[in-house]
């Protein structure tokens, strides 16, 4: 094969060499790993991440309007970029039973209300937390008296630093954990 300033010949030569040498990129598996987490929630090495593993109601199943519900939320986080941070878990209530996704600006749809916030100091590494959260039951508590009548709840989590006050990671779980009432 002769390469004399021809881009096409160079490309053929490069592809031939690549085929002989092989590609050394690691193949990413397309199956769910042994951890059971969807690939989108598996933390990359040397990066910060938050994954919601489970939401369990302390008593009963399902949410009923007018009945507060206590839940335990299990979170797995990886903090790799700093030694410590604050993980904040928020419970959001949505006015639409069919969606736990915040409406886009200017859509005219009502925005969700954050009803409960729990903050936990976290440290470097990968850890699991069990965080108790109470949904007030669409009784007007935490919403300045506003009652939806029907809707859905979900969670979002973030990590931040104190000095300076800087939120560096936000993860919304609306499509994975959307509970209707």
Foldseek 3Di string as FASTA:
>chain_A
DDDDPDPVVVVVVVVVVCVVVDDDDDDDDPDQDPVNDHPVQDDDPQDKGKDWDDKAWPDDDAAAAPDKTKIKIKMKIADRPDFKWKKKKWKKWALAQVWLDADDPPPPGDGIATQDMDIDIDGHGIDMDIDMDMDNRQCCHSPVRDGSVWTKMFMKMWIFHVVPTGTDDIGGCTVPDIGID
